[in-house]
């Protein structure tokens, strides 16, 4: 396979946990003709410059993440939504390399389907409905420039802030969270910038 990426080679030499699983997943994905890249500190596979799948691991499992997994048929009912806030991506999880060996044909069929989704130009309809908390709205009223700066942020950054602020159960905690990020927002930054 000549389309291996040297950065992924380096990643695989250093990673200890899930190494055998990553190598097998890599071989399966590369056999499907995708371009191997290294994005977000993980092996990522693209078609025509568009992200198709990513290999990543966690404490309990490693996974093949389909960037537009919500658009796949999932005939084997194996795709998992990582968290309730993830809109498009879906994972297939593994706890050992044997599971990957046994699923090779199924995995390839999902990868080929994901490539077809990209070829046809299908887009994920994202939930853009966001509810601004009372605490954030009060801060907008107090500092009008904050609302302007917030609206200039990308939709993803806005959503991240709104989710973070609203997930606190107590009003005092929501107020403290909003206060903590006022300067970040005014400077046009996301939570993790």
Foldseek 3Di string as FASTA:
>chain_A
DPQDDVLQVVLLVPDDPCSVVLVLVVVLLVVLPWHWDQPPNWTFTHDPPHTAWTWAADDQWTWIKGQQVVPDPPPVVQWADPDPPRQGITIRTDRDNVVCVVCSVVVSVRSVVSVVCVVVPDDGDDDLDADADPLLVVVCVVPVLLVVLLVPADSVLNRVLRCVLVVDPDPVSSNVSNVVCSVCSSVNHGPVD
